[in-house]
C-alpha cells in the first residue's frame, strides 16, 4: 500500500508520461514557449522593418497619418495593457503560493483589461471607418471626404499628403494582428481560469499559468513599440520633401 502511495507521489497526475521529473517538464514547457515567442518576434519584426522602410520613403504622409490617430485612446490602452501585465504576473505568483482564489481574481482582472483594450480599439477603428481613413485602395474615398469641411466647433479642411494610405495600411495590419493576439490571449486565459477553478494548479504545478503570462507579456511588449511608432512619432525633418 505504501509503495503505491510513493509511486503516486513520485509521478503526480499532471506529470506527462514522457517526462521523468516535474522540473524537466517545467523546463521543457518554458523552453517551448520561449521558442514560440522567438518566432512571434520574428513575425512582428517584419512589420516593423516595413514600417521603417515606408516611413523613410514617405515621412510627410506618416506624420500626417499619425496626427489623425487618437493618442489619448492609445495612451489609455497602453496603461490598460501595462496593468494587465502586472495582474498576469500576480496570477503567476498566486499560483506559485497555491492561492487558488487569488489566482482566479488576477486572471479575471487580466481578461477584463484585455476586453477594455479591444473596446477602445473598436471605437478607434469605428472613427477611422467613419472618416474613410482606410488602407489601400479604399483610401481614395477618404481623400475626397477629407477635402470637405468638417463639422465641429472649428470647421477646417483636412488635406492629407499623397501615400497617406500606406500609413493606414500598416496601421490596420499592425494593430489588427496585435488585436488577434489579444483575442487568442483571452481564449487561453479563460481556459487557464477554468483549470484553476477545477483545482489543477498548486505550489507544485503552475506551469500553464506561467507560460500563459509569458505570452501575455509579449503582447504587452509589442504594443509598447506600436504605440510610439504609430501615435507619437510624427516628426518630419526640416526641409525634407516627401
C-alpha atoms as a PDB file:
ATOM      1  CA  UNK A   1       0.000   0.000   0.000  1.00  0.00           C
ATOM      2  CA  UNK A   2       2.802   2.377   0.896  1.00  0.00           C
ATOM      3  CA  UNK A   3       4.693   1.563  -2.291  1.00  0.00           C
ATOM      4  CA  UNK A   4       1.668   2.509  -4.408  1.00  0.00           C
ATOM      5  CA  UNK A   5       1.370   5.774  -2.499  1.00  0.00           C
ATOM      6  CA  UNK A   6       5.057   6.501  -3.015  1.00  0.00           C
ATOM      7  CA  UNK A   7       4.712   5.822  -6.733  1.00  0.00           C
ATOM      8  CA  UNK A   8       1.810   8.241  -6.975  1.00  0.00           C
ATOM      9  CA  UNK A   9       3.817  10.831  -5.091  1.00  0.00           C
ATOM     10  CA  UNK A  10       6.805  10.403  -7.389  1.00  0.00           C
ATOM     11  CA  UNK A  11       4.653  10.595 -10.506  1.00  0.00           C
ATOM     12  CA  UNK A  12       1.754  13.046  -9.953  1.00  0.00           C
ATOM     13  CA  UNK A  13      -1.183  13.074 -12.381  1.00  0.00           C
ATOM     14  CA  UNK A  14      -0.109  16.347 -14.020  1.00  0.00           C
ATOM     15  CA  UNK A  15       3.325  14.944 -14.902  1.00  0.00           C
ATOM     16  CA  UNK A  16       3.222  13.703 -18.505  1.00  0.00           C
ATOM     17  CA  UNK A  17       4.492  10.188 -19.101  1.00  0.00           C
ATOM     18  CA  UNK A  18       7.387  11.287 -21.354  1.00  0.00           C
ATOM     19  CA  UNK A  19       8.973  13.365 -18.569  1.00  0.00           C
ATOM     20  CA  UNK A  20      10.965  11.919 -15.685  1.00  0.00           C
ATOM     21  CA  UNK A  21      10.558  14.767 -13.218  1.00  0.00           C
ATOM     22  CA  UNK A  22       8.339  17.848 -12.715  1.00  0.00           C
ATOM     23  CA  UNK A  23      11.391  20.071 -13.128  1.00  0.00           C
ATOM     24  CA  UNK A  24      12.134  18.522 -16.513  1.00  0.00           C
ATOM     25  CA  UNK A  25       8.549  19.083 -17.651  1.00  0.00           C
ATOM     26  CA  UNK A  26       8.588  22.700 -16.463  1.00  0.00           C
ATOM     27  CA  UNK A  27      11.888  23.432 -18.222  1.00  0.00           C
ATOM     28  CA  UNK A  28      10.669  21.826 -21.449  1.00  0.00           C
ATOM     29  CA  UNK A  29       7.429  23.825 -21.397  1.00  0.00           C
ATOM     30  CA  UNK A  30       9.293  27.054 -20.682  1.00  0.00           C
ATOM     31  CA  UNK A  31      11.798  26.383 -23.469  1.00  0.00           C
ATOM     32  CA  UNK A  32       8.978  25.610 -25.897  1.00  0.00           C
ATOM     33  CA  UNK A  33       7.213  28.867 -25.035  1.00  0.00           C
ATOM     34  CA  UNK A  34      10.398  30.898 -25.461  1.00  0.00           C
ATOM     35  CA  UNK A  35      10.908  29.283 -28.875  1.00  0.00           C
ATOM     36  CA  UNK A  36       7.338  30.217 -29.821  1.00  0.00           C
ATOM     37  CA  UNK A  37       7.815  33.782 -28.585  1.00  0.00           C
ATOM     38  CA  UNK A  38      11.032  33.993 -30.598  1.00  0.00           C
ATOM     39  CA  UNK A  39       9.226  33.219 -33.852  1.00  0.00           C
ATOM     40  CA  UNK A  40       6.473  35.664 -32.881  1.00  0.00           C
ATOM     41  CA  UNK A  41       9.113  38.376 -32.522  1.00  0.00           C
ATOM     42  CA  UNK A  42      10.470  37.465 -35.950  1.00  0.00           C
ATOM     43  CA  UNK A  43       6.948  37.791 -37.361  1.00  0.00           C
ATOM     44  CA  UNK A  44       6.395  41.244 -35.866  1.00  0.00           C
ATOM     45  CA  UNK A  45       9.921  42.345 -36.769  1.00  0.00           C
ATOM     46  CA  UNK A  46       8.960  42.026 -40.447  1.00  0.00           C
ATOM     47  CA  UNK A  47       6.149  44.513 -39.886  1.00  0.00           C
ATOM     48  CA  UNK A  48       8.476  46.862 -38.023  1.00  0.00           C
ATOM     49  CA  UNK A  49      11.002  46.708 -40.866  1.00  0.00           C
ATOM     50  CA  UNK A  50       8.242  47.510 -43.374  1.00  0.00           C
ATOM     51  CA  UNK A  51       7.201  50.430 -41.184  1.00  0.00           C
ATOM     52  CA  UNK A  52      10.771  51.762 -41.105  1.00  0.00           C
ATOM     53  CA  UNK A  53      11.210  51.498 -44.868  1.00  0.00           C
ATOM     54  CA  UNK A  54       7.927  53.164 -45.794  1.00  0.00           C
ATOM     55  CA  UNK A  55       8.334  55.842 -43.153  1.00  0.00           C
ATOM     56  CA  UNK A  56      11.703  56.719 -44.631  1.00  0.00           C
ATOM     57  CA  UNK A  57      10.121  56.921 -48.092  1.00  0.00           C
ATOM     58  CA  UNK A  58       7.049  58.938 -47.087  1.00  0.00           C
ATOM     59  CA  UNK A  59       7.818  60.904 -43.897  1.00  0.00           C
ATOM     60  CA  UNK A  60       5.220  63.614 -44.600  1.00  0.00           C
ATOM     61  CA  UNK A  61       2.466  61.070 -45.173  1.00  0.00           C
ATOM     62  CA  UNK A  62       3.348  59.165 -42.000  1.00  0.00           C
ATOM     63  CA  UNK A  63       3.430  62.371 -39.951  1.00  0.00           C
ATOM     64  CA  UNK A  64       0.018  63.391 -41.288  1.00  0.00           C
ATOM     65  CA  UNK A  65      -1.402  59.922 -40.711  1.00  0.00           C
ATOM     66  CA  UNK A  66      -0.089  59.836 -37.153  1.00  0.00           C
ATOM     67  CA  UNK A  67      -1.831  63.148 -36.433  1.00  0.00           C
ATOM     68  CA  UNK A  68      -5.133  61.535 -37.419  1.00  0.00           C
ATOM     69  CA  UNK A  69      -4.792  58.909 -34.661  1.00  0.00           C
ATOM     70  CA  UNK A  70      -6.230  59.490 -31.203  1.00  0.00           C
ATOM     71  CA  UNK A  71      -3.187  59.457 -28.928  1.00  0.00           C
ATOM     72  CA  UNK A  72      -5.407  59.698 -25.849  1.00  0.00           C
ATOM     73  CA  UNK A  73      -7.099  56.397 -26.684  1.00  0.00           C
ATOM     74  CA  UNK A  74      -3.690  54.929 -27.434  1.00  0.00           C
ATOM     75  CA  UNK A  75      -2.437  56.094 -24.046  1.00  0.00           C
ATOM     76  CA  UNK A  76      -5.421  54.545 -22.262  1.00  0.00           C
ATOM     77  CA  UNK A  77      -4.782  51.235 -24.000  1.00  0.00           C
ATOM     78  CA  UNK A  78      -1.096  51.390 -23.095  1.00  0.00           C
ATOM     79  CA  UNK A  79      -1.921  51.897 -19.416  1.00  0.00           C
ATOM     80  CA  UNK A  80      -4.503  49.098 -19.541  1.00  0.00           C
ATOM     81  CA  UNK A  81      -2.028  46.635 -21.077  1.00  0.00           C
ATOM     82  CA  UNK A  82       0.755  47.561 -18.671  1.00  0.00           C
ATOM     83  CA  UNK A  83      -1.629  46.992 -15.778  1.00  0.00           C
ATOM     84  CA  UNK A  84      -2.716  43.655 -17.278  1.00  0.00           C
ATOM     85  CA  UNK A  85       0.914  42.540 -17.389  1.00  0.00           C
ATOM     86  CA  UNK A  86       1.104  43.272 -13.672  1.00  0.00           C
ATOM     87  CA  UNK A  87      -2.056  41.271 -12.957  1.00  0.00           C
ATOM     88  CA  UNK A  88      -0.743  38.400 -15.092  1.00  0.00           C
ATOM     89  CA  UNK A  89       2.471  38.351 -13.053  1.00  0.00           C
ATOM     90  CA  UNK A  90       0.428  38.431  -9.839  1.00  0.00           C
ATOM     91  CA  UNK A  91      -1.607  35.474 -11.116  1.00  0.00           C
ATOM     92  CA  UNK A  92       1.616  33.513 -11.562  1.00  0.00           C
ATOM     93  CA  UNK A  93       2.790  34.470  -8.087  1.00  0.00           C
ATOM     94  CA  UNK A  94      -0.527  33.481  -6.510  1.00  0.00           C
ATOM     95  CA  UNK A  95      -0.473  30.115  -8.265  1.00  0.00           C
ATOM     96  CA  UNK A  96       3.074  29.514  -7.054  1.00  0.00           C
ATOM     97  CA  UNK A  97       1.849  30.093  -3.498  1.00  0.00           C
ATOM     98  CA  UNK A  98      -1.124  27.805  -4.019  1.00  0.00           C
ATOM     99  CA  UNK A  99      -3.658  30.617  -3.537  1.00  0.00           C
ATOM    100  CA  UNK A 100      -6.451  29.461  -5.813  1.00  0.00           C
ATOM    101  CA  UNK A 101      -8.911  32.301  -5.196  1.00  0.00           C
ATOM    102  CA  UNK A 102      -6.285  34.998  -5.627  1.00  0.00           C
ATOM    103  CA  UNK A 103      -5.109  33.378  -8.838  1.00  0.00           C
ATOM    104  CA  UNK A 104      -8.655  33.430 -10.210  1.00  0.00           C
ATOM    105  CA  UNK A 105      -9.039  37.077  -9.228  1.00  0.00           C
ATOM    106  CA  UNK A 106      -5.892  38.152 -11.059  1.00  0.00           C
ATOM    107  CA  UNK A 107      -6.743  36.079 -14.125  1.00  0.00           C
ATOM    108  CA  UNK A 108     -10.224  37.610 -14.323  1.00  0.00           C
ATOM    109  CA  UNK A 109      -8.706  41.087 -13.946  1.00  0.00           C
ATOM    110  CA  UNK A 110      -6.312  40.353 -16.808  1.00  0.00           C
ATOM    111  CA  UNK A 111      -9.202  39.195 -19.009  1.00  0.00           C
ATOM    112  CA  UNK A 112     -11.209  42.319 -18.168  1.00  0.00           C
ATOM    113  CA  UNK A 113      -8.244  44.505 -19.115  1.00  0.00           C
ATOM    114  CA  UNK A 114      -7.975  42.665 -22.423  1.00  0.00           C
ATOM    115  CA  UNK A 115     -11.626  43.344 -23.195  1.00  0.00           C
ATOM    116  CA  UNK A 116     -11.208  47.017 -22.267  1.00  0.00           C
ATOM    117  CA  UNK A 117      -8.324  47.222 -24.731  1.00  0.00           C
ATOM    118  CA  UNK A 118     -10.451  45.728 -27.511  1.00  0.00           C
ATOM    119  CA  UNK A 119     -13.406  48.018 -26.770  1.00  0.00           C
ATOM    120  CA  UNK A 120     -11.176  51.092 -27.000  1.00  0.00           C
ATOM    121  CA  UNK A 121      -9.673  49.734 -30.217  1.00  0.00           C
ATOM    122  CA  UNK A 122     -13.179  49.213 -31.619  1.00  0.00           C
ATOM    123  CA  UNK A 123     -14.012  52.887 -31.120  1.00  0.00           C
ATOM    124  CA  UNK A 124     -10.713  53.844 -32.759  1.00  0.00           C
ATOM    125  CA  UNK A 125     -11.443  51.660 -35.771  1.00  0.00           C
ATOM    126  CA  UNK A 126     -15.019  52.919 -35.962  1.00  0.00           C
ATOM    127  CA  UNK A 127     -13.802  56.509 -36.116  1.00  0.00           C
ATOM    128  CA  UNK A 128     -11.361  55.644 -38.922  1.00  0.00           C
ATOM    129  CA  UNK A 129     -14.107  53.898 -40.902  1.00  0.00           C
ATOM    130  CA  UNK A 130     -16.412  56.890 -40.475  1.00  0.00           C
ATOM    131  CA  UNK A 131     -13.718  59.249 -41.785  1.00  0.00           C
ATOM    132  CA  UNK A 132     -12.721  56.875 -44.559  1.00  0.00           C
ATOM    133  CA  UNK A 133      -9.166  56.550 -43.258  1.00  0.00           C
ATOM    134  CA  UNK A 134      -8.844  53.057 -44.635  1.00  0.00           C
ATOM    135  CA  UNK A 135      -5.964  51.024 -46.042  1.00  0.00           C
ATOM    136  CA  UNK A 136      -5.010  50.612 -49.688  1.00  0.00           C
ATOM    137  CA  UNK A 137      -7.411  51.445 -52.488  1.00  0.00           C
ATOM    138  CA  UNK A 138     -10.248  52.125 -50.039  1.00  0.00           C
ATOM    139  CA  UNK A 139      -8.449  55.312 -49.025  1.00  0.00           C
ATOM    140  CA  UNK A 140      -9.478  57.035 -52.273  1.00  0.00           C
ATOM    141  CA  UNK A 141     -12.935  57.768 -50.943  1.00  0.00           C
ATOM    142  CA  UNK A 142     -11.382  59.071 -47.744  1.00  0.00           C
ATOM    143  CA  UNK A 143      -9.322  61.690 -49.561  1.00  0.00           C
ATOM    144  CA  UNK A 144     -12.453  63.014 -51.272  1.00  0.00           C
ATOM    145  CA  UNK A 145     -14.224  63.179 -47.919  1.00  0.00           C
ATOM    146  CA  UNK A 146     -11.353  64.904 -46.166  1.00  0.00           C
ATOM    147  CA  UNK A 147     -11.228  67.768 -48.663  1.00  0.00           C
ATOM    148  CA  UNK A 148     -14.677  68.851 -47.461  1.00  0.00           C
ATOM    149  CA  UNK A 149     -15.362  70.987 -44.402  1.00  0.00           C
ATOM    150  CA  UNK A 150     -15.505  69.102 -41.138  1.00  0.00           C
ATOM    151  CA  UNK A 151     -18.423  69.689 -38.821  1.00  0.00           C
ATOM    152  CA  UNK A 152     -17.302  70.798 -35.407  1.00  0.00           C
ATOM    153  CA  UNK A 153     -16.517  73.773 -33.183  1.00  0.00           C
ATOM    154  CA  UNK A 154     -13.892  74.949 -35.640  1.00  0.00           C
ATOM    155  CA  UNK A 155     -14.632  73.920 -39.202  1.00  0.00           C
ATOM    156  CA  UNK A 156     -11.454  73.231 -41.130  1.00  0.00           C
ATOM    157  CA  UNK A 157     -10.375  71.493 -44.274  1.00  0.00           C
ATOM    158  CA  UNK A 158      -8.181  68.436 -43.856  1.00  0.00           C
ATOM    159  CA  UNK A 159      -5.680  67.763 -46.619  1.00  0.00           C
ATOM    160  CA  UNK A 160      -3.547  64.658 -46.356  1.00  0.00           C
ATOM    161  CA  UNK A 161      -0.364  64.105 -48.365  1.00  0.00           C
ATOM    162  CA  UNK A 162      -0.141  61.512 -51.093  1.00  0.00           C
ATOM    163  CA  UNK A 163       0.738  57.997 -49.835  1.00  0.00           C
ATOM    164  CA  UNK A 164      -1.027  58.542 -46.502  1.00  0.00           C
ATOM    165  CA  UNK A 165      -2.934  55.376 -47.352  1.00  0.00           C
ATOM    166  CA  UNK A 166       0.355  53.484 -46.858  1.00  0.00           C
ATOM    167  CA  UNK A 167       0.462  54.617 -43.240  1.00  0.00           C
ATOM    168  CA  UNK A 168      -3.092  53.454 -42.598  1.00  0.00           C
ATOM    169  CA  UNK A 169      -2.422  50.156 -44.372  1.00  0.00           C
ATOM    170  CA  UNK A 170       0.385  49.478 -41.903  1.00  0.00           C
ATOM    171  CA  UNK A 171      -1.687  50.845 -39.032  1.00  0.00           C
ATOM    172  CA  UNK A 172      -4.529  48.401 -39.628  1.00  0.00           C
ATOM    173  CA  UNK A 173      -2.242  45.449 -40.300  1.00  0.00           C
ATOM    174  CA  UNK A 174      -0.026  46.009 -37.258  1.00  0.00           C
ATOM    175  CA  UNK A 175      -2.782  46.855 -34.783  1.00  0.00           C
ATOM    176  CA  UNK A 176      -5.111  44.247 -36.307  1.00  0.00           C
ATOM    177  CA  UNK A 177      -2.598  41.425 -35.929  1.00  0.00           C
ATOM    178  CA  UNK A 178      -1.906  42.618 -32.409  1.00  0.00           C
ATOM    179  CA  UNK A 179      -5.649  42.580 -31.647  1.00  0.00           C
ATOM    180  CA  UNK A 180      -5.826  38.986 -32.911  1.00  0.00           C
ATOM    181  CA  UNK A 181      -3.112  38.106 -30.416  1.00  0.00           C
ATOM    182  CA  UNK A 182      -5.200  39.770 -27.704  1.00  0.00           C
ATOM    183  CA  UNK A 183      -8.191  37.606 -28.678  1.00  0.00           C
ATOM    184  CA  UNK A 184      -6.043  34.472 -28.576  1.00  0.00           C
ATOM    185  CA  UNK A 185      -4.752  35.524 -25.172  1.00  0.00           C
ATOM    186  CA  UNK A 186      -8.294  35.983 -23.876  1.00  0.00           C
ATOM    187  CA  UNK A 187      -9.187  32.478 -25.013  1.00  0.00           C
ATOM    188  CA  UNK A 188      -6.132  30.967 -23.340  1.00  0.00           C
ATOM    189  CA  UNK A 189      -6.714  32.908 -20.114  1.00  0.00           C
ATOM    190  CA  UNK A 190     -10.316  31.668 -19.972  1.00  0.00           C
ATOM    191  CA  UNK A 191      -9.031  28.104 -20.365  1.00  0.00           C
ATOM    192  CA  UNK A 192      -6.485  28.695 -17.588  1.00  0.00           C
ATOM    193  CA  UNK A 193      -9.216  30.162 -15.379  1.00  0.00           C
ATOM    194  CA  UNK A 194     -11.379  27.059 -15.839  1.00  0.00           C
ATOM    195  CA  UNK A 195      -8.454  24.830 -14.949  1.00  0.00           C
ATOM    196  CA  UNK A 196      -7.675  26.898 -11.862  1.00  0.00           C
ATOM    197  CA  UNK A 197     -11.286  26.733 -10.682  1.00  0.00           C
ATOM    198  CA  UNK A 198     -11.099  22.976 -11.201  1.00  0.00           C
ATOM    199  CA  UNK A 199      -8.099  22.871  -8.874  1.00  0.00           C
ATOM    200  CA  UNK A 200      -5.479  21.829 -11.436  1.00  0.00           C
ATOM    201  CA  UNK A 201      -2.789  24.177 -10.109  1.00  0.00           C
ATOM    202  CA  UNK A 202      -0.858  24.113  -6.863  1.00  0.00           C
ATOM    203  CA  UNK A 203       2.507  25.015  -5.374  1.00  0.00           C
ATOM    204  CA  UNK A 204       3.973  22.028  -7.199  1.00  0.00           C
ATOM    205  CA  UNK A 205       2.348  22.662 -10.582  1.00  0.00           C
ATOM    206  CA  UNK A 206       1.675  26.107 -12.070  1.00  0.00           C
ATOM    207  CA  UNK A 207       3.405  25.755 -15.447  1.00  0.00           C
ATOM    208  CA  UNK A 208       0.373  26.617 -17.578  1.00  0.00           C
ATOM    209  CA  UNK A 209      -0.195  29.884 -15.703  1.00  0.00           C
ATOM    210  CA  UNK A 210       3.471  30.790 -16.013  1.00  0.00           C
ATOM    211  CA  UNK A 211       3.796  30.254 -19.767  1.00  0.00           C
ATOM    212  CA  UNK A 212       0.456  31.957 -20.487  1.00  0.00           C
ATOM    213  CA  UNK A 213       1.717  35.012 -18.627  1.00  0.00           C
ATOM    214  CA  UNK A 214       4.875  34.904 -20.758  1.00  0.00           C
ATOM    215  CA  UNK A 215       2.735  35.058 -23.897  1.00  0.00           C
ATOM    216  CA  UNK A 216       0.767  37.950 -22.439  1.00  0.00           C
ATOM    217  CA  UNK A 217       3.957  39.878 -21.665  1.00  0.00           C
ATOM    218  CA  UNK A 218       4.893  39.559 -25.356  1.00  0.00           C
ATOM    219  CA  UNK A 219       1.535  41.044 -26.354  1.00  0.00           C
ATOM    220  CA  UNK A 220       2.244  43.928 -23.990  1.00  0.00           C
ATOM    221  CA  UNK A 221       5.798  44.354 -25.276  1.00  0.00           C
ATOM    222  CA  UNK A 222       4.693  44.571 -28.922  1.00  0.00           C
ATOM    223  CA  UNK A 223       2.153  47.277 -28.071  1.00  0.00           C
ATOM    224  CA  UNK A 224       4.809  49.281 -26.215  1.00  0.00           C
ATOM    225  CA  UNK A 225       6.588  49.571 -29.583  1.00  0.00           C
ATOM    226  CA  UNK A 226       3.435  50.073 -31.668  1.00  0.00           C
ATOM    227  CA  UNK A 227       2.148  52.933 -29.546  1.00  0.00           C
ATOM    228  CA  UNK A 228       5.036  55.396 -30.027  1.00  0.00           C
ATOM    229  CA  UNK A 229       5.689  54.347 -33.629  1.00  0.00           C
ATOM    230  CA  UNK A 230       2.101  54.903 -34.740  1.00  0.00           C
ATOM    231  CA  UNK A 231       0.765  57.534 -32.351  1.00  0.00           C
ATOM    232  CA  UNK A 232       3.678  59.659 -31.167  1.00  0.00           C
ATOM    233  CA  UNK A 233       6.455  59.730 -33.770  1.00  0.00           C
ATOM    234  CA  UNK A 234       5.294  62.292 -36.313  1.00  0.00           C
ATOM    235  CA  UNK A 235       8.415  64.405 -36.684  1.00  0.00           C
ATOM    236  CA  UNK A 236       9.367  65.455 -40.226  1.00  0.00           C
ATOM    237  CA  UNK A 237      12.956  66.673 -40.775  1.00  0.00           C
ATOM    238  CA  UNK A 238      13.084  70.372 -41.755  1.00  0.00           C
ATOM    239  CA  UNK A 239      13.308  70.861 -45.498  1.00  0.00           C
ATOM    240  CA  UNK A 240      12.533  67.196 -46.195  1.00  0.00           C
ATOM    241  CA  UNK A 241      10.178  66.717 -49.111  1.00  0.00           C
ATOM    242  CA  UNK A 242       8.013  63.588 -49.216  1.00  0.00           C
END
